[in-house]
Each structure stands twice: as structure tokens, then as C-alpha cells.
């Protein structure tokens, strides 16, 4: 469930090139289910049978969760050994069926399908060029612009991978692309590495996915991450790689490690779980406090809380009971209803907090409403003091690369000091992670920290 003080996830992509009698649709279904945390607005799957008629593509997509959009009878109709899928949260374009992915096209030289995670900041310019040539768009997504651009470029190139690479050369921003033609599966990662993409294998079949956890969900093994600026092409002859887009500078999204990615994923050689654990340890090292219990906001703050507890020696005890049956449909638009949603989603375990000084860990504060409600609940349950520690710096700037960081007017830290926020949320103390401590989380990995610093890697 999306609470008011949480960032929305981005999107997730999953593709498979299957050999033999591999059922691509079911494999993609399970892969997308493992990526459901990255987008809950829409889901889609496109498949193709490489041995079937030229240009055959079967597609199905709809609004809702993977399990809501796809049922057994739907999957049985999607016949093919290669396929791509997508789960979406809209960072560019409205939340509607016209923007659901993957996009599939029939054009003069055949068929193609595309799934995209990220945000292309020069998509409006590219779209205007296509419209001036007579293109008509069904939706408002930048992903549709990329798909049409590849189809147009294919008219003047010798292969779909050449067309895809030429279009990727123009894209500015963060992107992980999966492109499927009747005979090929292509993956492209943006030159900065802003968006994750990895390569795996199950049996003799190859997988491309946003996270390694989606590969293991289909009993596959992670081979490696796709390099920033790399294009992978998978055919019946195997895998080829092109690193023509590679640039010297890299900027991996720090929030994959703080919040977005699943705990069991590995990204660019780093365990997400270990990164969050080290983040909590860094908070404890920099901001110690006398307390009886360390706890975390489910699910986002739990791992950092374990790290904080381990370094500080204060016991970690879960203090919230979570109602797993309150889903997306409970989300309400008004502030009072959002507050009720927090109470419906989480309740305090009174015996854990009564008469205790608590350290409460969460990954971020966006607007401040959710954590204020949780602190109020803890005090009503008898907590003496609540010390808040946040495993990210204050959000000061919006993101333009595919993460839904709101504009400055909705970011509490842009107009309030830490002390003012502390008073507003009702905490006894409040401290944020220092940017310098990211190195403790992710080592020497070059990071995009623009939402904290305003230093954007793509202007």
C-alpha cells in the first residue's frame, strides 16, 4: 500500500529468450510478480514464437496488479518462447491503459515490442519530431515515444539492434529498455547506470530483468549486471554485447539501495540487504542515543533498524503489527483518510513500547505525515521517548530520471529545518544519514544523489 510519506516505486521489466518448449508467458508472469514492488498500476506481457509465422506477437495488459491482470486462461493464450513484461508506476504520462506496457507495434518492416523502466527527459522533443512526420500517439508515455522512434529508425537500418542503438544514443535520462522482435531479445541500460538491469540464465534460456530477485524467482541464476551503456542482444545463436554507449561517468541511483530494490537482490555487485544493514550501522555510529528498544517502520526501515541495533547494542524488537490485507484499494485522497489508512495498515504492539525509550528507524521522510502518525500511535501506547533516525539525507530536489520524488512544494525538508521537522512530527530527536556515509553503504560505487544535492548527472 502506498502511504502518503513514501516514494512511489519506478517500474520493473522482465524478459526471457526461451529454448525448446519454454513457456515464456508463465516465466514472465512469475518474474513480474517478483518485481511487483516496483509498480502496481498496470502490468503487461508480450510473447512471440520464434518458430511460428513471421511477425507473430501475442499481447495482454491491463490496469492493476500482476495477479489481477493475468489469470491462467489468459496466460494459456500467450503462446511463445520469447517474451517481455512490465509492471508500471507512472513517472511520465498518466495512469491509464493507453500507457500500460509493453508497447507492441506493427510497422512496415515487421513487429516489435518494448518495455521501459525510467524517464527520458528529452522525450517531448522526440515526440514532436514524430508528430510532425504524421505519427499518432495513443498515450502520453515517454516509452511509447521510444518504441515509435525505434520503428522509424528501423526503416533506415539493417537490423533492429542497430535501430535501437541509434535511438538510445539520443535518449537523455535514466532507462532500462527491453526490446523484442520476432527473433531477438534486446536489453539496453543507460550510460550512467541510473536504472538497473541484469542478465541471468535458467537452463538454456536467458533472462533480462530489473533485479536479480526476479531471476531467482524463476529458478534462474544471475550471470552479471548489464554494464552502463551496454546493449545485449540475445538470439538463437547466443549473446552479443555492444558497449558503444558507455561513458566515463556513472551515477547509479542510491535509492535502489535505500528503498526500491528487494532485500534479496544484488545490484552492481552489492547486496541490497547488506547495504541497508550498513546504512543502519552508519546511523548508529554517527547518532548514538540512550534507548531501550530499536525498531523500524515496516517494511522500509526494518533492515536499517537491525543494523542500528547491532552496532549500538540496543535490542531490536518489532514494534508494529502489519495488516497485510489492507491493499491499494484502501488508499484515500484526503489527508484525514490517509491518516486513517496508516492506522489500518499498522498498529503498535503496546508491550514493546510501553514505558520504553524507542529508536524508530525509517528510510526517508517525504512529507512527514506518516511518521508523525506512527509516533503519535507509539506515545498513545505508552512510549516515553521516540528518537527518529532516517537512513537517507533530507529530500530537497525532485528526480527527473524515473523516481517519483515530488516537486519542492511537497518536500517537507525544502522549507523546514531538521529541528522544525522534529517538532512537526513529534519526535524527541531526529537525525538523517549524512551523504558521506553512503560510501559505507555502497563502497566506491558512483552514485546519483541529485534528490539530496541538486547536482544532476544529466542536465
Protein backbone atom coordinates (compact mmCIF):
# COMPACT_ATOMS: atom_id res chain seq x y z
CA UNK A 1 0.00 0.00 0.00
CA UNK A 2 1.21 3.48 -0.77
CA UNK A 3 1.34 5.63 2.33
CA UNK A 4 1.49 9.39 1.91
CA UNK A 5 5.04 9.76 3.14
CA UNK A 6 6.61 7.13 0.87
CA UNK A 7 8.09 7.49 -2.56
CA UNK A 8 6.45 5.55 -5.34
CA UNK A 9 8.50 2.82 -6.90
CA UNK A 10 9.58 3.15 -10.50
CA UNK A 11 8.82 0.31 -12.95
CA UNK A 12 10.04 -3.22 -13.45
CA UNK A 13 10.95 -5.11 -16.63
CA UNK A 14 11.48 -8.82 -17.25
CA UNK A 15 12.30 -10.67 -20.46
CA UNK A 16 13.20 -14.22 -21.42
CA UNK A 17 14.61 -15.91 -24.51
CA UNK A 18 13.49 -19.49 -24.10
CA UNK A 19 14.78 -22.55 -25.84
CA UNK A 20 12.84 -25.67 -26.68
CA UNK A 21 9.34 -25.79 -25.24
CA UNK A 22 9.82 -22.95 -22.76
CA UNK A 23 6.54 -21.21 -21.88
CA UNK A 24 7.64 -17.57 -21.95
CA UNK A 25 4.34 -16.14 -20.69
CA UNK A 26 4.37 -18.09 -17.42
CA UNK A 27 8.04 -17.33 -16.84
CA UNK A 28 7.43 -13.60 -17.38
CA UNK A 29 4.39 -13.77 -15.09
CA UNK A 30 6.48 -15.14 -12.23
CA UNK A 31 9.26 -12.67 -12.94
CA UNK A 32 6.84 -9.72 -12.87
CA UNK A 33 5.30 -10.98 -9.65
CA UNK A 34 8.77 -10.80 -8.08
CA UNK A 35 9.04 -7.21 -9.35
CA UNK A 36 5.57 -6.15 -8.19
CA UNK A 37 7.09 -3.80 -5.59
CA UNK A 38 8.39 -1.62 -8.44
CA UNK A 39 4.96 -0.79 -9.84
CA UNK A 40 1.36 -1.61 -9.02
CA UNK A 41 -0.66 0.45 -11.51
CA UNK A 42 -0.53 -1.76 -14.59
CA UNK A 43 1.05 -4.95 -15.90
CA UNK A 44 1.60 -6.42 -19.34
CA UNK A 45 3.20 -9.32 -21.20
CA UNK A 46 4.09 -9.69 -24.89
CA UNK A 47 5.33 -13.00 -26.31
CA UNK A 48 6.43 -14.40 -29.64
CA UNK A 49 7.07 -17.87 -31.06
CA UNK A 50 10.39 -17.77 -32.93
CA UNK A 51 9.34 -20.88 -34.87
CA UNK A 52 5.90 -19.54 -35.74
CA UNK A 53 4.68 -17.31 -38.57
CA UNK A 54 6.75 -14.21 -39.29
CA UNK A 55 5.65 -11.27 -37.18
CA UNK A 56 3.52 -13.23 -34.72
CA UNK A 57 3.17 -11.38 -31.42
CA UNK A 58 0.62 -12.05 -28.66
CA UNK A 59 -0.01 -9.40 -26.03
CA UNK A 60 -2.11 -8.78 -22.96
CA UNK A 61 -2.00 -5.91 -20.47
CA UNK A 62 -4.30 -4.19 -18.04
CA UNK A 63 -4.62 -1.96 -15.00
CA UNK A 64 -3.85 -3.49 -11.62
CA UNK A 65 -1.50 -5.99 -10.05
CA UNK A 66 0.03 -8.88 -11.99
CA UNK A 67 -2.32 -11.35 -10.31
CA UNK A 68 -5.31 -9.15 -11.21
CA UNK A 69 -4.38 -8.68 -14.86
CA UNK A 70 -3.34 -12.27 -15.60
CA UNK A 71 -5.22 -15.49 -14.98
CA UNK A 72 -4.45 -19.00 -16.19
CA UNK A 73 -6.76 -18.76 -19.18
CA UNK A 74 -5.07 -15.54 -20.29
CA UNK A 75 -1.56 -16.94 -19.91
CA UNK A 76 -2.50 -20.10 -21.83
CA UNK A 77 -3.37 -17.97 -24.85
CA UNK A 78 0.03 -16.25 -24.87
CA UNK A 79 2.00 -18.79 -26.88
CA UNK A 80 5.68 -18.16 -27.43
CA UNK A 81 9.22 -18.94 -26.35
CA UNK A 82 10.43 -15.34 -26.03
CA UNK A 83 8.63 -12.62 -24.13
CA UNK A 84 8.91 -9.37 -22.22
CA UNK A 85 6.82 -7.96 -19.42
CA UNK A 86 6.36 -4.79 -17.43
CA UNK A 87 4.93 -3.55 -14.15
CA UNK A 88 4.30 0.17 -14.07
CA UNK A 89 4.11 3.10 -11.77
CA UNK A 90 3.67 6.24 -13.86
CA UNK A 91 6.58 8.66 -13.62
CA UNK A 92 5.86 10.13 -17.06
CA UNK A 93 2.36 10.00 -18.50
CA UNK A 94 -0.99 9.43 -16.87
CA UNK A 95 -2.09 6.24 -15.14
CA UNK A 96 -4.31 4.72 -17.83
CA UNK A 97 -4.47 1.65 -20.04
CA UNK A 98 -3.10 3.59 -23.02
CA UNK A 99 0.19 3.98 -21.13
CA UNK A 100 0.38 0.40 -19.87
CA UNK A 101 3.37 -1.52 -21.21
CA UNK A 102 4.88 -3.30 -23.07
CA UNK A 103 4.11 -1.37 -26.25
CA UNK A 104 3.78 -3.54 -29.35
CA UNK A 105 3.86 -2.19 -32.89
CA UNK A 106 3.23 -3.45 -36.39
CA UNK A 107 5.18 -1.39 -38.91
CA UNK A 108 6.48 -1.65 -42.45
CA UNK A 109 9.43 -3.89 -41.58
CA UNK A 110 7.71 -6.15 -39.09
CA UNK A 111 6.78 -6.09 -35.43
CA UNK A 112 8.43 -5.02 -32.21
CA UNK A 113 7.57 -4.70 -28.53
CA UNK A 114 9.19 -2.51 -25.91
CA UNK A 115 9.22 -2.29 -22.11
CA UNK A 116 10.92 0.59 -20.33
CA UNK A 117 11.91 1.48 -16.77
CA UNK A 118 12.98 5.07 -16.22
CA UNK A 119 12.30 8.53 -17.55
CA UNK A 120 13.62 10.17 -20.72
CA UNK A 121 13.85 13.92 -20.22
CA UNK A 122 14.06 14.82 -23.92
CA UNK A 123 11.06 12.69 -24.89
CA UNK A 124 8.91 15.75 -25.64
CA UNK A 125 11.34 16.91 -28.34
CA UNK A 126 11.45 13.45 -29.90
CA UNK A 127 7.66 13.17 -29.77
CA UNK A 128 7.19 16.49 -31.56
CA UNK A 129 9.50 15.35 -34.34
CA UNK A 130 7.46 12.18 -34.82
CA UNK A 131 4.16 14.06 -34.74
CA UNK A 132 5.43 16.44 -37.39
CA UNK A 133 6.00 13.39 -39.58
CA UNK A 134 2.45 12.20 -39.03
CA UNK A 135 2.78 9.86 -36.06
CA UNK A 136 -0.29 9.49 -33.85
CA UNK A 137 0.17 8.52 -30.20
CA UNK A 138 -2.39 6.61 -28.17
CA UNK A 139 -0.97 7.64 -24.79
CA UNK A 140 1.31 10.16 -23.13
CA UNK A 141 4.20 7.96 -22.03
CA UNK A 142 7.83 8.56 -23.00
CA UNK A 143 8.08 4.79 -23.54
CA UNK A 144 5.69 4.99 -26.49
CA UNK A 145 7.92 7.67 -27.98
CA UNK A 146 10.92 5.35 -27.72
CA UNK A 147 9.04 2.49 -29.39
CA UNK A 148 7.93 4.64 -32.32
CA UNK A 149 11.42 6.10 -32.65
CA UNK A 150 12.93 2.62 -32.97
CA UNK A 151 10.33 1.64 -35.58
CA UNK A 152 11.10 4.78 -37.59
CA UNK A 153 14.85 4.24 -37.30
CA UNK A 154 14.48 0.62 -38.40
CA UNK A 155 13.30 1.84 -41.81
CA UNK A 156 16.83 3.14 -42.49
CA UNK A 157 18.95 0.50 -40.75
CA UNK A 158 19.85 -3.12 -41.37
CA UNK A 159 18.70 -4.59 -38.04
CA UNK A 160 16.53 -3.94 -35.01
CA UNK A 161 19.57 -3.76 -32.75
CA UNK A 162 21.17 -1.11 -34.94
CA UNK A 163 17.95 0.90 -34.88
CA UNK A 164 17.65 0.50 -31.11
CA UNK A 165 21.22 1.63 -30.53
CA UNK A 166 20.79 4.72 -32.71
CA UNK A 167 17.69 5.72 -30.76
CA UNK A 168 19.39 5.03 -27.43
CA UNK A 169 22.18 7.40 -28.46
CA UNK A 170 19.60 10.21 -28.44
CA UNK A 171 17.95 9.40 -25.13
CA UNK A 172 18.74 11.62 -22.16
CA UNK A 173 17.91 10.44 -18.67
CA UNK A 174 17.60 7.07 -16.97
CA UNK A 175 16.41 3.98 -18.78
CA UNK A 176 16.49 0.21 -18.87
CA UNK A 177 14.98 -0.97 -22.16
CA UNK A 178 13.80 -4.38 -23.27
CA UNK A 179 13.06 -4.64 -26.99
CA UNK A 180 11.65 -7.78 -28.58
CA UNK A 181 11.43 -8.60 -32.27
CA UNK A 182 10.18 -11.93 -33.64
CA UNK A 183 13.70 -13.36 -33.45
CA UNK A 184 15.60 -11.25 -30.91
CA UNK A 185 15.54 -10.05 -27.32
CA UNK A 186 17.48 -6.84 -26.68
CA UNK A 187 18.38 -5.11 -23.42
CA UNK A 188 19.89 -1.62 -23.13
CA UNK A 189 20.98 0.18 -19.96
CA UNK A 190 21.51 3.94 -19.84
CA UNK A 191 25.16 5.12 -19.98
CA UNK A 192 25.15 6.40 -16.39
CA UNK A 193 23.69 3.21 -14.95
CA UNK A 194 20.86 5.14 -13.33
CA UNK A 195 18.43 2.27 -13.87
CA UNK A 196 19.28 -1.34 -13.02
CA UNK A 197 19.29 -4.22 -15.49
CA UNK A 198 20.82 -7.66 -15.12
CA UNK A 199 21.36 -10.86 -17.10
CA UNK A 200 20.55 -14.34 -15.89
CA UNK A 201 20.06 -17.89 -17.08
CA UNK A 202 17.67 -20.73 -16.34
CA UNK A 203 18.56 -23.97 -18.10
CA UNK A 204 19.47 -22.97 -21.66
CA UNK A 205 17.24 -19.87 -21.56
CA UNK A 206 18.46 -16.31 -20.93
CA UNK A 207 16.75 -13.67 -18.81
CA UNK A 208 16.93 -9.89 -18.61
CA UNK A 209 15.41 -8.28 -15.53
CA UNK A 210 15.39 -5.14 -13.40
CA UNK A 211 16.52 -7.10 -10.34
CA UNK A 212 18.30 -10.36 -9.67
CA UNK A 213 15.46 -11.42 -7.33
CA UNK A 214 13.22 -11.80 -10.38
CA UNK A 215 15.76 -14.18 -11.91
CA UNK A 216 15.91 -16.36 -8.81
CA UNK A 217 12.09 -16.31 -8.67
CA UNK A 218 12.06 -18.46 -11.83
CA UNK A 219 14.84 -20.74 -10.52
CA UNK A 220 17.43 -18.91 -12.59
CA UNK A 221 20.95 -17.79 -11.75
CA UNK A 222 22.36 -14.29 -12.02
CA UNK A 223 25.14 -14.07 -14.59
CA UNK A 224 26.00 -10.39 -14.21
CA UNK A 225 24.68 -6.85 -14.32
CA UNK A 226 24.35 -5.21 -17.69
CA UNK A 227 27.05 -2.56 -17.83
CA UNK A 228 26.04 1.10 -18.01
CA UNK A 229 25.78 1.97 -21.70
CA UNK A 230 25.73 -1.69 -22.79
CA UNK A 231 23.37 -3.30 -25.27
CA UNK A 232 22.80 -7.07 -25.01
CA UNK A 233 21.30 -8.95 -27.98
CA UNK A 234 20.02 -12.50 -27.45
CA UNK A 235 19.22 -14.74 -30.43
CA UNK A 236 19.24 -18.47 -31.14
CA UNK A 237 22.97 -18.07 -31.80
CA UNK A 238 23.65 -16.81 -28.27
CA UNK A 239 24.50 -13.42 -26.75
CA UNK A 240 26.35 -10.47 -28.25
CA UNK A 241 27.31 -7.28 -26.44
CA UNK A 242 27.85 -3.71 -27.63
CA UNK A 243 29.28 -1.09 -25.25
CA UNK A 244 29.12 1.78 -27.72
CA UNK A 245 27.04 3.94 -25.38
CA UNK A 246 29.46 3.66 -22.47
CA UNK A 247 30.61 6.90 -20.86
CA UNK A 248 33.30 7.59 -18.29
CA UNK A 249 30.91 8.99 -15.68
CA UNK A 250 28.49 6.71 -13.83
CA UNK A 251 25.63 7.58 -11.49
CA UNK A 252 23.73 4.64 -10.00
CA UNK A 253 20.51 5.55 -8.20
CA UNK A 254 21.19 5.47 -4.46
CA UNK A 255 17.54 4.88 -3.69
CA UNK A 256 17.67 1.39 -5.15
CA UNK A 257 19.84 0.53 -2.15
CA UNK A 258 17.91 2.63 0.37
CA UNK A 259 14.38 1.60 -0.53
CA UNK A 260 13.33 0.47 -4.02
CA UNK A 261 15.02 -2.86 -4.62
CA UNK A 262 14.04 -6.10 -2.92
CA UNK A 263 16.18 -7.18 0.02
CA UNK A 264 17.27 -10.36 -1.75
CA UNK A 265 18.50 -8.56 -4.86
CA UNK A 266 22.09 -7.87 -5.82
CA UNK A 267 22.80 -4.77 -7.90
CA UNK A 268 26.14 -3.92 -9.46
CA UNK A 269 27.89 -6.37 -7.17
CA UNK A 270 26.26 -5.12 -3.97
CA UNK A 271 23.80 -6.97 -1.75
CA UNK A 272 20.79 -4.71 -1.14
CA UNK A 273 20.28 -6.25 2.30
CA UNK A 274 23.90 -5.68 3.29
CA UNK A 275 23.79 -2.08 2.04
CA UNK A 276 20.76 -1.28 4.20
CA UNK A 277 22.29 -3.05 7.17
CA UNK A 278 25.44 -0.95 6.82
CA UNK A 279 23.30 2.16 6.49
CA UNK A 280 21.76 1.48 9.88
CA UNK A 281 25.19 0.89 11.36
CA UNK A 282 26.36 4.23 9.99
CA UNK A 283 23.40 5.97 11.65
CA UNK A 284 24.21 4.36 14.99
CA UNK A 285 27.85 5.31 14.70
CA UNK A 286 27.10 8.95 13.89
CA UNK A 287 23.98 9.45 16.02
CA UNK A 288 24.01 7.30 19.17
CA UNK A 289 21.27 7.75 21.75
CA UNK A 290 20.29 6.13 25.05
CA UNK A 291 17.26 3.92 24.46
CA UNK A 292 15.68 0.62 25.40
CA UNK A 293 14.46 -0.62 22.01
CA UNK A 294 15.36 -0.12 18.36
CA UNK A 295 12.55 -0.72 15.89
CA UNK A 296 11.79 0.04 12.26
CA UNK A 297 8.86 1.15 10.14
CA UNK A 298 7.67 -1.90 8.17
CA UNK A 299 8.96 -2.82 5.72
CA UNK A 300 11.20 0.01 4.63
CA UNK A 301 13.02 0.70 7.89
CA UNK A 302 13.46 -2.79 9.33
CA UNK A 303 16.84 -3.75 7.88
CA UNK A 304 18.47 -0.43 8.76
CA UNK A 305 16.98 -0.83 12.25
CA UNK A 306 18.68 -4.22 12.60
CA UNK A 307 21.96 -2.56 11.59
CA UNK A 308 21.46 0.25 14.09
CA UNK A 309 20.70 -2.21 16.85
CA UNK A 310 23.67 -4.40 16.02
CA UNK A 311 26.14 -1.51 16.19
CA UNK A 312 24.58 0.22 19.23
CA UNK A 313 23.94 -2.88 21.30
CA UNK A 314 20.34 -1.82 21.90
CA UNK A 315 17.98 -4.74 21.21
CA UNK A 316 15.95 -4.73 18.00
CA UNK A 317 12.30 -5.60 18.61
CA UNK A 318 9.49 -5.25 16.02
CA UNK A 319 7.01 -2.74 17.44
CA UNK A 320 4.37 -2.72 14.73
CA UNK A 321 1.83 -5.32 13.67
CA UNK A 322 1.06 -5.09 9.96
CA UNK A 323 -2.32 -5.77 8.39
CA UNK A 324 -1.35 -7.43 5.12
CA UNK A 325 -4.92 -7.43 3.86
CA UNK A 326 -5.24 -3.65 3.55
CA UNK A 327 -4.24 -3.13 -0.06
CA UNK A 328 -4.10 -0.47 -2.69
CA UNK A 329 -7.87 -0.04 -2.80
CA UNK A 330 -7.84 1.42 0.69
CA UNK A 331 -5.84 4.47 -0.43
CA UNK A 332 -7.90 7.60 0.09
CA UNK A 333 -7.36 11.08 -1.34
CA UNK A 334 -7.96 13.33 1.66
CA UNK A 335 -5.42 13.92 4.41
CA UNK A 336 -7.74 12.69 7.18
CA UNK A 337 -8.43 9.50 5.25
CA UNK A 338 -4.71 8.98 4.66
CA UNK A 339 -4.16 9.21 8.41
CA UNK A 340 -6.81 6.54 8.91
CA UNK A 341 -5.06 4.41 6.30
CA UNK A 342 -1.88 4.47 8.37
CA UNK A 343 -3.82 3.19 11.40
CA UNK A 344 -5.47 0.49 9.30
CA UNK A 345 -2.15 -0.65 7.88
CA UNK A 346 -0.05 -0.63 11.05
CA UNK A 347 -0.76 -0.93 14.77
CA UNK A 348 1.63 -0.61 17.69
CA UNK A 349 2.47 -3.61 19.88
CA UNK A 350 1.89 -1.96 23.24
CA UNK A 351 4.01 -4.33 25.33
CA UNK A 352 7.07 -3.49 23.23
CA UNK A 353 6.91 0.30 23.68
CA UNK A 354 5.12 0.98 26.98
CA UNK A 355 7.49 2.65 29.44
CA UNK A 356 10.37 2.45 26.94
CA UNK A 357 12.62 4.89 25.12
CA UNK A 358 12.43 3.98 21.44
CA UNK A 359 14.70 4.48 18.45
CA UNK A 360 12.47 4.47 15.36
CA UNK A 361 14.19 3.91 12.00
CA UNK A 362 12.77 4.65 8.55
CA UNK A 363 14.30 5.05 5.10
CA UNK A 364 13.02 8.57 4.36
CA UNK A 365 10.74 11.45 5.21
CA UNK A 366 8.98 12.99 2.23
CA UNK A 367 6.03 14.97 3.62
CA UNK A 368 6.23 13.93 7.27
CA UNK A 369 2.63 12.82 7.67
CA UNK A 370 3.09 9.07 8.04
CA UNK A 371 5.89 9.09 10.58
CA UNK A 372 4.05 11.73 12.62
CA UNK A 373 1.08 9.37 12.82
CA UNK A 374 3.29 6.46 13.88
CA UNK A 375 4.99 8.48 16.61
CA UNK A 376 1.59 9.58 17.91
CA UNK A 377 0.47 5.94 18.00
CA UNK A 378 3.61 4.95 19.93
CA UNK A 379 3.08 7.67 22.52
CA UNK A 380 -0.54 6.65 23.00
CA UNK A 381 0.72 3.11 23.56
CA UNK A 382 2.96 4.36 26.37
CA UNK A 383 6.34 5.10 24.76
CA UNK A 384 8.35 7.54 26.90
CA UNK A 385 10.57 8.92 24.15
CA UNK A 386 10.77 8.37 20.40
CA UNK A 387 14.09 9.12 18.70
CA UNK A 388 13.84 9.07 14.91
CA UNK A 389 16.76 8.10 12.67
CA UNK A 390 16.41 8.25 8.87
CA UNK A 391 18.66 6.16 6.59
CA UNK A 392 18.78 8.82 3.88
CA UNK A 393 19.52 12.56 3.84
CA UNK A 394 16.66 15.08 3.60
CA UNK A 395 14.93 15.26 0.22
CA UNK A 396 15.49 18.72 -1.23
CA UNK A 397 15.10 18.31 -5.00
CA UNK A 398 12.82 16.41 -7.40
CA UNK A 399 14.01 13.49 -9.52
CA UNK A 400 13.74 13.62 -13.32
CA UNK A 401 15.03 10.13 -14.09
CA UNK A 402 12.12 7.88 -13.20
CA UNK A 403 11.74 8.03 -9.42
CA UNK A 404 8.66 9.82 -8.19
CA UNK A 405 10.26 12.35 -5.85
CA UNK A 406 7.64 15.11 -5.71
CA UNK A 407 8.29 18.74 -6.56
CA UNK A 408 9.77 21.00 -3.90
CA UNK A 409 6.40 22.19 -2.62
CA UNK A 410 5.67 18.68 -1.32
CA UNK A 411 9.07 18.02 0.24
CA UNK A 412 8.98 18.97 3.91
CA UNK A 413 12.76 19.44 4.14
CA UNK A 414 12.87 22.18 1.49
CA UNK A 415 11.15 24.72 3.72
CA UNK A 416 11.80 23.35 7.21
CA UNK A 417 14.93 22.77 9.25
CA UNK A 418 15.58 19.43 10.92
CA UNK A 419 14.52 20.93 14.25
CA UNK A 420 11.28 22.24 12.74
CA UNK A 421 10.55 18.81 11.24
CA UNK A 422 11.31 17.16 14.59
CA UNK A 423 8.72 19.34 16.29
CA UNK A 424 6.21 18.83 13.49
CA UNK A 425 6.39 15.03 13.61
CA UNK A 426 6.53 14.95 17.42
CA UNK A 427 9.88 13.20 17.84
CA UNK A 428 12.22 13.69 20.79
CA UNK A 429 15.16 13.78 18.38
CA UNK A 430 15.59 13.50 14.62
CA UNK A 431 18.72 12.79 12.63
CA UNK A 432 19.30 11.97 8.95
CA UNK A 433 22.05 9.98 7.31
CA UNK A 434 24.98 12.04 6.02
CA UNK A 435 25.75 11.86 2.33
CA UNK A 436 29.32 10.98 3.29
CA UNK A 437 28.03 7.76 4.84
CA UNK A 438 26.78 6.43 1.50
CA UNK A 439 30.30 5.13 0.99
CA UNK A 440 29.78 2.87 4.00
CA UNK A 441 26.63 1.52 2.32
CA UNK A 442 27.81 1.03 -1.26
CA UNK A 443 31.58 1.38 -1.19
CA UNK A 444 33.12 3.17 -4.16
CA UNK A 445 30.07 2.74 -6.43
CA UNK A 446 29.44 6.09 -8.20
CA UNK A 447 26.00 7.33 -7.21
CA UNK A 448 23.28 9.71 -8.33
CA UNK A 449 22.45 11.84 -5.27
CA UNK A 450 20.60 14.62 -7.08
CA UNK A 451 17.44 14.43 -4.92
CA UNK A 452 19.63 15.37 -1.93
CA UNK A 453 22.18 17.69 -3.53
CA UNK A 454 20.61 19.16 -6.69
CA UNK A 455 23.66 18.04 -8.67
CA UNK A 456 22.02 16.29 -11.63
CA UNK A 457 24.21 13.98 -13.73
CA UNK A 458 22.09 14.75 -16.82
CA UNK A 459 21.28 18.42 -17.00
